[in-house]
C-alpha atoms as a PDB file:
ATOM      1  CA  UNK A   1      23.769 -30.276 -33.598  1.00  0.00           C
ATOM      2  CA  UNK A   2      24.445 -26.858 -35.096  1.00  0.00           C
ATOM      3  CA  UNK A   3      22.071 -24.150 -33.974  1.00  0.00           C
ATOM      4  CA  UNK A   4      19.431 -22.949 -36.412  1.00  0.00           C
ATOM      5  CA  UNK A   5      19.921 -19.646 -38.195  1.00  0.00           C
ATOM      6  CA  UNK A   6      17.090 -17.210 -38.789  1.00  0.00           C
ATOM      7  CA  UNK A   7      16.328 -14.197 -40.909  1.00  0.00           C
ATOM      8  CA  UNK A   8      14.213 -11.590 -39.123  1.00  0.00           C
ATOM      9  CA  UNK A   9      11.052 -10.126 -40.641  1.00  0.00           C
ATOM     10  CA  UNK A  10       9.336  -7.039 -39.232  1.00  0.00           C
ATOM     11  CA  UNK A  11       5.721  -6.238 -40.002  1.00  0.00           C
ATOM     12  CA  UNK A  12       3.503  -3.426 -38.668  1.00  0.00           C
ATOM     13  CA  UNK A  13       1.272  -4.319 -35.738  1.00  0.00           C
ATOM     14  CA  UNK A  14      -2.027  -2.493 -36.176  1.00  0.00           C
ATOM     15  CA  UNK A  15      -3.367  -3.154 -32.675  1.00  0.00           C
ATOM     16  CA  UNK A  16      -1.087  -0.704 -30.873  1.00  0.00           C
ATOM     17  CA  UNK A  17      -1.470   3.012 -30.180  1.00  0.00           C
ATOM     18  CA  UNK A  18       1.946   3.669 -31.722  1.00  0.00           C
ATOM     19  CA  UNK A  19       1.723   2.898 -35.463  1.00  0.00           C
ATOM     20  CA  UNK A  20       5.505   2.855 -35.663  1.00  0.00           C
ATOM     21  CA  UNK A  21       5.749  -0.134 -33.341  1.00  0.00           C
ATOM     22  CA  UNK A  22       6.850  -3.297 -35.126  1.00  0.00           C
ATOM     23  CA  UNK A  23       6.328  -6.937 -34.359  1.00  0.00           C
ATOM     24  CA  UNK A  24       9.418  -9.023 -35.105  1.00  0.00           C
ATOM     25  CA  UNK A  25       9.071 -12.471 -36.610  1.00  0.00           C
ATOM     26  CA  UNK A  26      11.704 -14.906 -37.816  1.00  0.00           C
ATOM     27  CA  UNK A  27      12.211 -17.119 -40.853  1.00  0.00           C
ATOM     28  CA  UNK A  28      13.882 -20.476 -40.681  1.00  0.00           C
ATOM     29  CA  UNK A  29      16.769 -20.717 -43.164  1.00  0.00           C
ATOM     30  CA  UNK A  30      18.004 -24.269 -42.618  1.00  0.00           C
ATOM     31  CA  UNK A  31      17.137 -27.194 -44.885  1.00  0.00           C
ATOM     32  CA  UNK A  32      14.138 -26.848 -47.192  1.00  0.00           C
ATOM     33  CA  UNK A  33      11.847 -25.151 -44.659  1.00  0.00           C
ATOM     34  CA  UNK A  34       9.876 -22.111 -45.765  1.00  0.00           C
ATOM     35  CA  UNK A  35       7.448 -19.427 -44.621  1.00  0.00           C
ATOM     36  CA  UNK A  36       4.211 -18.221 -46.227  1.00  0.00           C
ATOM     37  CA  UNK A  37       3.087 -14.655 -45.442  1.00  0.00           C
ATOM     38  CA  UNK A  38      -0.316 -13.264 -46.479  1.00  0.00           C
ATOM     39  CA  UNK A  39      -3.146 -11.118 -45.127  1.00  0.00           C
ATOM     40  CA  UNK A  40      -6.880 -11.691 -44.786  1.00  0.00           C
ATOM     41  CA  UNK A  41      -9.590  -9.007 -44.345  1.00  0.00           C
ATOM     42  CA  UNK A  42     -10.940 -10.588 -41.139  1.00  0.00           C
ATOM     43  CA  UNK A  43     -10.318  -9.975 -37.440  1.00  0.00           C
ATOM     44  CA  UNK A  44      -7.451 -11.865 -35.851  1.00  0.00           C
ATOM     45  CA  UNK A  45      -9.611 -13.306 -33.055  1.00  0.00           C
ATOM     46  CA  UNK A  46     -12.110 -14.724 -35.546  1.00  0.00           C
ATOM     47  CA  UNK A  47      -9.383 -16.380 -37.623  1.00  0.00           C
ATOM     48  CA  UNK A  48      -7.743 -17.811 -34.493  1.00  0.00           C
ATOM     49  CA  UNK A  49     -11.067 -19.253 -33.292  1.00  0.00           C
ATOM     50  CA  UNK A  50     -11.607 -21.031 -36.619  1.00  0.00           C
ATOM     51  CA  UNK A  51      -8.060 -22.412 -36.638  1.00  0.00           C
ATOM     52  CA  UNK A  52      -8.706 -24.241 -33.349  1.00  0.00           C
ATOM     53  CA  UNK A  53     -12.296 -25.251 -34.174  1.00  0.00           C
ATOM     54  CA  UNK A  54     -13.354 -28.840 -34.768  1.00  0.00           C
ATOM     55  CA  UNK A  55     -13.454 -28.167 -38.503  1.00  0.00           C
ATOM     56  CA  UNK A  56     -10.218 -26.250 -38.886  1.00  0.00           C
ATOM     57  CA  UNK A  57     -10.086 -23.277 -41.241  1.00  0.00           C
ATOM     58  CA  UNK A  58      -8.348 -23.957 -44.560  1.00  0.00           C
ATOM     59  CA  UNK A  59      -8.832 -27.741 -44.536  1.00  0.00           C
ATOM     60  CA  UNK A  60     -10.790 -29.690 -47.170  1.00  0.00           C
ATOM     61  CA  UNK A  61     -12.956 -31.652 -44.742  1.00  0.00           C
ATOM     62  CA  UNK A  62     -14.532 -33.665 -47.553  1.00  0.00           C
ATOM     63  CA  UNK A  63     -11.196 -35.467 -48.099  1.00  0.00           C
ATOM     64  CA  UNK A  64      -9.357 -34.918 -44.806  1.00  0.00           C
ATOM     65  CA  UNK A  65     -10.523 -36.116 -41.395  1.00  0.00           C
ATOM     66  CA  UNK A  66      -9.146 -34.731 -38.114  1.00  0.00           C
ATOM     67  CA  UNK A  67      -9.395 -36.594 -34.803  1.00  0.00           C
ATOM     68  CA  UNK A  68      -8.110 -35.480 -31.399  1.00  0.00           C
ATOM     69  CA  UNK A  69      -6.517 -38.729 -30.196  1.00  0.00           C
ATOM     70  CA  UNK A  70      -5.156 -37.455 -26.864  1.00  0.00           C
ATOM     71  CA  UNK A  71      -6.546 -34.599 -24.757  1.00  0.00           C
ATOM     72  CA  UNK A  72      -4.369 -31.658 -23.862  1.00  0.00           C
ATOM     73  CA  UNK A  73      -2.824 -30.729 -20.539  1.00  0.00           C
ATOM     74  CA  UNK A  74      -5.003 -27.646 -20.254  1.00  0.00           C
ATOM     75  CA  UNK A  75      -8.760 -27.242 -20.562  1.00  0.00           C
ATOM     76  CA  UNK A  76      -9.870 -26.264 -24.040  1.00  0.00           C
ATOM     77  CA  UNK A  77     -11.414 -22.861 -24.652  1.00  0.00           C
ATOM     78  CA  UNK A  78     -15.238 -23.075 -24.785  1.00  0.00           C
ATOM     79  CA  UNK A  79     -16.240 -23.908 -28.343  1.00  0.00           C
ATOM     80  CA  UNK A  80     -12.702 -24.987 -29.292  1.00  0.00           C
ATOM     81  CA  UNK A  81     -11.695 -28.536 -30.140  1.00  0.00           C
ATOM     82  CA  UNK A  82      -8.021 -28.055 -29.243  1.00  0.00           C
ATOM     83  CA  UNK A  83      -5.952 -27.283 -26.162  1.00  0.00           C
ATOM     84  CA  UNK A  84      -2.211 -27.092 -25.598  1.00  0.00           C
ATOM     85  CA  UNK A  85      -0.585 -30.505 -25.287  1.00  0.00           C
ATOM     86  CA  UNK A  86      -3.271 -32.388 -27.208  1.00  0.00           C
ATOM     87  CA  UNK A  87      -2.398 -34.791 -29.996  1.00  0.00           C
ATOM     88  CA  UNK A  88      -4.365 -35.146 -33.179  1.00  0.00           C
ATOM     89  CA  UNK A  89      -4.373 -37.539 -36.104  1.00  0.00           C
ATOM     90  CA  UNK A  90      -5.029 -36.083 -39.541  1.00  0.00           C
ATOM     91  CA  UNK A  91      -6.258 -38.717 -42.005  1.00  0.00           C
ATOM     92  CA  UNK A  92      -5.440 -37.996 -45.665  1.00  0.00           C
ATOM     93  CA  UNK A  93      -6.400 -40.111 -48.693  1.00  0.00           C
ATOM     94  CA  UNK A  94      -2.765 -41.329 -48.840  1.00  0.00           C
ATOM     95  CA  UNK A  95      -2.097 -41.882 -45.118  1.00  0.00           C
ATOM     96  CA  UNK A  96      -1.964 -40.080 -41.789  1.00  0.00           C
ATOM     97  CA  UNK A  97       0.038 -37.569 -39.738  1.00  0.00           C
ATOM     98  CA  UNK A  98       0.097 -37.421 -35.923  1.00  0.00           C
ATOM     99  CA  UNK A  99       1.001 -34.056 -34.361  1.00  0.00           C
ATOM    100  CA  UNK A 100       1.135 -32.503 -30.887  1.00  0.00           C
ATOM    101  CA  UNK A 101       0.000 -28.953 -30.152  1.00  0.00           C
ATOM    102  CA  UNK A 102       3.077 -27.565 -28.378  1.00  0.00           C
ATOM    103  CA  UNK A 103       2.158 -23.869 -28.300  1.00  0.00           C
ATOM    104  CA  UNK A 104      -1.223 -22.159 -28.134  1.00  0.00           C
ATOM    105  CA  UNK A 105      -1.190 -18.439 -27.383  1.00  0.00           C
ATOM    106  CA  UNK A 106      -4.526 -16.726 -27.952  1.00  0.00           C
ATOM    107  CA  UNK A 107      -4.990 -15.071 -30.392  1.00  0.00           C
ATOM    108  CA  UNK A 108      -1.505 -14.937 -31.914  1.00  0.00           C
ATOM    109  CA  UNK A 109       0.243 -18.308 -32.174  1.00  0.00           C
ATOM    110  CA  UNK A 110      -0.524 -21.970 -32.904  1.00  0.00           C
ATOM    111  CA  UNK A 111       2.367 -24.411 -33.217  1.00  0.00           C
ATOM    112  CA  UNK A 112       2.279 -28.116 -34.037  1.00  0.00           C
ATOM    113  CA  UNK A 113       5.117 -30.647 -33.704  1.00  0.00           C
ATOM    114  CA  UNK A 114       4.905 -33.623 -36.041  1.00  0.00           C
ATOM    115  CA  UNK A 115       5.220 -36.868 -34.071  1.00  0.00           C
ATOM    116  CA  UNK A 116       4.886 -39.261 -37.023  1.00  0.00           C
ATOM    117  CA  UNK A 117       4.002 -39.148 -40.708  1.00  0.00           C
ATOM    118  CA  UNK A 118       2.880 -42.095 -42.836  1.00  0.00           C
ATOM    119  CA  UNK A 119       2.019 -40.653 -46.231  1.00  0.00           C
ATOM    120  CA  UNK A 120       3.300 -40.919 -49.785  1.00  0.00           C
ATOM    121  CA  UNK A 121       5.380 -37.811 -49.028  1.00  0.00           C
ATOM    122  CA  UNK A 122       6.576 -36.933 -45.512  1.00  0.00           C
ATOM    123  CA  UNK A 123       8.291 -34.006 -43.823  1.00  0.00           C
ATOM    124  CA  UNK A 124      11.377 -35.175 -41.935  1.00  0.00           C
ATOM    125  CA  UNK A 125      13.739 -33.444 -39.533  1.00  0.00           C
ATOM    126  CA  UNK A 126      17.502 -33.284 -39.715  1.00  0.00           C
ATOM    127  CA  UNK A 127      19.028 -36.625 -38.583  1.00  0.00           C
ATOM    128  CA  UNK A 128      19.573 -36.349 -34.839  1.00  0.00           C
ATOM    129  CA  UNK A 129      17.801 -32.984 -34.801  1.00  0.00           C
ATOM    130  CA  UNK A 130      14.377 -31.573 -34.006  1.00  0.00           C
ATOM    131  CA  UNK A 131      11.123 -33.029 -35.306  1.00  0.00           C
ATOM    132  CA  UNK A 132       9.338 -30.988 -38.008  1.00  0.00           C
ATOM    133  CA  UNK A 133       7.008 -28.222 -36.835  1.00  0.00           C
ATOM    134  CA  UNK A 134       4.317 -26.061 -38.405  1.00  0.00           C
ATOM    135  CA  UNK A 135       3.462 -22.732 -36.775  1.00  0.00           C
ATOM    136  CA  UNK A 136       0.798 -20.139 -37.563  1.00  0.00           C
ATOM    137  CA  UNK A 137       1.459 -16.617 -36.271  1.00  0.00           C
ATOM    138  CA  UNK A 138      -1.297 -13.987 -36.449  1.00  0.00           C
ATOM    139  CA  UNK A 139      -0.718 -10.226 -36.314  1.00  0.00           C
ATOM    140  CA  UNK A 140      -3.630  -7.804 -36.141  1.00  0.00           C
ATOM    141  CA  UNK A 141      -3.557  -5.082 -38.792  1.00  0.00           C
ATOM    142  CA  UNK A 142      -5.854  -2.164 -39.535  1.00  0.00           C
ATOM    143  CA  UNK A 143      -8.732  -3.832 -41.369  1.00  0.00           C
ATOM    144  CA  UNK A 144      -7.419  -7.367 -41.285  1.00  0.00           C
ATOM    145  CA  UNK A 145      -4.819  -9.870 -40.118  1.00  0.00           C
ATOM    146  CA  UNK A 146      -1.319 -10.770 -41.268  1.00  0.00           C
ATOM    147  CA  UNK A 147      -0.747 -14.536 -41.242  1.00  0.00           C
ATOM    148  CA  UNK A 148       2.668 -16.174 -41.194  1.00  0.00           C
ATOM    149  CA  UNK A 149       2.874 -19.942 -41.623  1.00  0.00           C
ATOM    150  CA  UNK A 150       6.307 -21.453 -41.043  1.00  0.00           C
ATOM    151  CA  UNK A 151       7.087 -25.027 -42.052  1.00  0.00           C
ATOM    152  CA  UNK A 152      10.275 -25.961 -40.206  1.00  0.00           C
ATOM    153  CA  UNK A 153      11.719 -29.221 -41.530  1.00  0.00           C
ATOM    154  CA  UNK A 154      14.840 -30.527 -43.200  1.00  0.00           C
ATOM    155  CA  UNK A 155      13.455 -32.387 -46.214  1.00  0.00           C
ATOM    156  CA  UNK A 156      10.283 -33.794 -47.747  1.00  0.00           C
ATOM    157  CA  UNK A 157      10.846 -37.430 -48.694  1.00  0.00           C
ATOM    158  CA  UNK A 158       8.778 -39.772 -50.872  1.00  0.00           C
ATOM    159  CA  UNK A 159       8.111 -43.371 -49.805  1.00  0.00           C
ATOM    160  CA  UNK A 160      10.709 -44.522 -52.340  1.00  0.00           C
ATOM    161  CA  UNK A 161      13.342 -42.359 -50.678  1.00  0.00           C
ATOM    162  CA  UNK A 162      13.478 -39.627 -53.319  1.00  0.00           C
ATOM    163  CA  UNK A 163      13.390 -36.035 -52.101  1.00  0.00           C
ATOM    164  CA  UNK A 164      10.667 -33.532 -53.040  1.00  0.00           C
ATOM    165  CA  UNK A 165      11.857 -30.032 -53.801  1.00  0.00           C
ATOM    166  CA  UNK A 166      10.939 -27.791 -50.843  1.00  0.00           C
ATOM    167  CA  UNK A 167      10.160 -24.716 -52.997  1.00  0.00           C
ATOM    168  CA  UNK A 168       7.781 -26.866 -55.074  1.00  0.00           C
ATOM    169  CA  UNK A 169       5.866 -27.809 -51.924  1.00  0.00           C
ATOM    170  CA  UNK A 170       5.782 -24.174 -50.786  1.00  0.00           C
ATOM    171  CA  UNK A 171       4.107 -23.157 -54.055  1.00  0.00           C
ATOM    172  CA  UNK A 172       1.434 -25.845 -53.624  1.00  0.00           C
ATOM    173  CA  UNK A 173       0.694 -24.662 -50.077  1.00  0.00           C
ATOM    174  CA  UNK A 174       0.627 -21.033 -51.196  1.00  0.00           C
ATOM    175  CA  UNK A 175      -2.128 -21.959 -53.658  1.00  0.00           C
ATOM    176  CA  UNK A 176      -4.021 -23.769 -50.891  1.00  0.00           C
ATOM    177  CA  UNK A 177      -4.246 -20.606 -48.756  1.00  0.00           C
ATOM    178  CA  UNK A 178      -6.210 -18.840 -51.499  1.00  0.00           C
ATOM    179  CA  UNK A 179      -9.452 -20.351 -50.175  1.00  0.00           C
ATOM    180  CA  UNK A 180      -9.123 -19.090 -46.594  1.00  0.00           C
ATOM    181  CA  UNK A 181     -10.976 -15.819 -47.186  1.00  0.00           C
ATOM    182  CA  UNK A 182     -13.920 -17.547 -48.892  1.00  0.00           C
ATOM    183  CA  UNK A 183     -13.987 -20.109 -46.075  1.00  0.00           C
ATOM    184  CA  UNK A 184     -14.277 -17.330 -43.465  1.00  0.00           C
ATOM    185  CA  UNK A 185     -17.193 -15.825 -45.415  1.00  0.00           C
ATOM    186  CA  UNK A 186     -18.937 -19.215 -45.608  1.00  0.00           C
ATOM    187  CA  UNK A 187     -18.605 -19.482 -41.828  1.00  0.00           C
ATOM    188  CA  UNK A 188     -20.625 -16.293 -41.446  1.00  0.00           C
ATOM    189  CA  UNK A 189     -17.920 -13.720 -40.664  1.00  0.00           C
ATOM    190  CA  UNK A 190     -18.018 -10.147 -41.927  1.00  0.00           C
ATOM    191  CA  UNK A 191     -14.862  -8.493 -43.154  1.00  0.00           C
ATOM    192  CA  UNK A 192     -13.051  -6.220 -40.705  1.00  0.00           C
ATOM    193  CA  UNK A 193     -13.460  -2.455 -40.805  1.00  0.00           C
ATOM    194  CA  UNK A 194     -10.538  -0.076 -41.108  1.00  0.00           C
ATOM    195  CA  UNK A 195     -10.062   2.493 -38.364  1.00  0.00           C
ATOM    196  CA  UNK A 196     -11.274   5.174 -40.753  1.00  0.00           C
ATOM    197  CA  UNK A 197     -14.606   3.364 -40.966  1.00  0.00           C
ATOM    198  CA  UNK A 198     -14.237   1.989 -44.462  1.00  0.00           C
ATOM    199  CA  UNK A 199     -14.427  -1.681 -45.276  1.00  0.00           C
ATOM    200  CA  UNK A 200     -11.386  -3.476 -46.587  1.00  0.00           C
ATOM    201  CA  UNK A 201     -11.413  -4.384 -50.290  1.00  0.00           C
ATOM    202  CA  UNK A 202     -13.647  -7.387 -50.782  1.00  0.00           C
ATOM    203  CA  UNK A 203     -11.867 -10.285 -52.406  1.00  0.00           C
ATOM    204  CA  UNK A 204     -12.014 -14.068 -52.275  1.00  0.00           C
ATOM    205  CA  UNK A 205      -8.234 -14.159 -52.314  1.00  0.00           C
ATOM    206  CA  UNK A 206      -5.687 -13.296 -49.615  1.00  0.00           C
ATOM    207  CA  UNK A 207      -3.249 -10.503 -50.373  1.00  0.00           C
ATOM    208  CA  UNK A 208      -0.193 -11.502 -52.379  1.00  0.00           C
ATOM    209  CA  UNK A 209       1.366 -14.527 -50.729  1.00  0.00           C
ATOM    210  CA  UNK A 210       5.082 -14.186 -50.056  1.00  0.00           C
ATOM    211  CA  UNK A 211       6.983 -17.451 -50.061  1.00  0.00           C
ATOM    212  CA  UNK A 212      10.299 -17.247 -48.266  1.00  0.00           C
ATOM    213  CA  UNK A 213      12.233 -20.497 -48.675  1.00  0.00           C
ATOM    214  CA  UNK A 214      15.417 -21.412 -46.855  1.00  0.00           C
ATOM    215  CA  UNK A 215      17.287 -21.870 -50.115  1.00  0.00           C
ATOM    216  CA  UNK A 216      16.171 -18.447 -51.311  1.00  0.00           C
ATOM    217  CA  UNK A 217      17.476 -16.802 -48.138  1.00  0.00           C
ATOM    218  CA  UNK A 218      20.840 -18.459 -48.694  1.00  0.00           C
ATOM    219  CA  UNK A 219      20.803 -17.453 -52.374  1.00  0.00           C
ATOM    220  CA  UNK A 220      20.028 -13.837 -51.473  1.00  0.00           C
ATOM    221  CA  UNK A 221      22.880 -13.752 -48.987  1.00  0.00           C
ATOM    222  CA  UNK A 222      25.302 -15.242 -51.528  1.00  0.00           C
ATOM    223  CA  UNK A 223      24.247 -12.656 -54.119  1.00  0.00           C
ATOM    224  CA  UNK A 224      24.631  -9.835 -51.607  1.00  0.00           C
ATOM    225  CA  UNK A 225      28.095 -11.082 -50.621  1.00  0.00           C
ATOM    226  CA  UNK A 226      29.128 -11.271 -54.295  1.00  0.00           C
ATOM    227  CA  UNK A 227      27.901  -7.714 -54.903  1.00  0.00           C
ATOM    228  CA  UNK A 228      29.839  -6.403 -51.907  1.00  0.00           C
ATOM    229  CA  UNK A 229      32.974  -8.205 -53.062  1.00  0.00           C
ATOM    230  CA  UNK A 230      32.635  -6.735 -56.560  1.00  0.00           C
ATOM    231  CA  UNK A 231      32.154  -3.222 -55.160  1.00  0.00           C
ATOM    232  CA  UNK A 232      35.240  -3.566 -52.978  1.00  0.00           C
ATOM    233  CA  UNK A 233      37.242  -4.791 -55.975  1.00  0.00           C
ATOM    234  CA  UNK A 234      36.123  -1.812 -58.063  1.00  0.00           C
ATOM    235  CA  UNK A 235      36.932   0.608 -55.244  1.00  0.00           C
ATOM    236  CA  UNK A 236      40.367  -0.952 -54.832  1.00  0.00           C
ATOM    237  CA  UNK A 237      41.039  -0.737 -58.587  1.00  0.00           C
ATOM    238  CA  UNK A 238      40.033   2.932 -58.627  1.00  0.00           C
ATOM    239  CA  UNK A 239      42.719   3.878 -56.065  1.00  0.00           C
END
């Protein structure tokens, strides 16, 4: 199997003494996978705690039920429902998804590997390749947290075998993240303070969500290559 290719993203890390220090992240650019990037005006630790709570942040618990169906290899953090190695079953109105928690690094990374999916639409991996994964990376910023959600899969397939456009799914998920800030407020959290003492702007929405799809990365690279080729042709003609 060919190795995956990535495009690197660098974002400021606000929890260091050196403001110039950068935290490097990566985007998947194979298949229809994509990454969502947005910020919330809440502390990273608080967001992390709610992402591993029994009622996970950002989930509509009136329609979606989550059950831990196999305990993890390590003891769960007090007050947390999850530990590394555990498996959970998420019950949707149209079916279920079983995933394993393969990485849990407090308070910066949560990564799930999809073991099976039985819904009307399902993420699938490349034939003979890795199973789909979903990771949530958290970076602490001054007055908030940068969140990067990467959906690493090859395609999204309907029950009838037709393929759902990856960018279309990314837009739907980008809309779903708009309720995270309001959910944190409902859970009793106060917005983070900036180092200067001022509060971050109060809003029920996350900052502008950036959707970085695999196809877009490839398109950007093709456009850049075409521009370079045109510039070289013009330079050659000018000689």
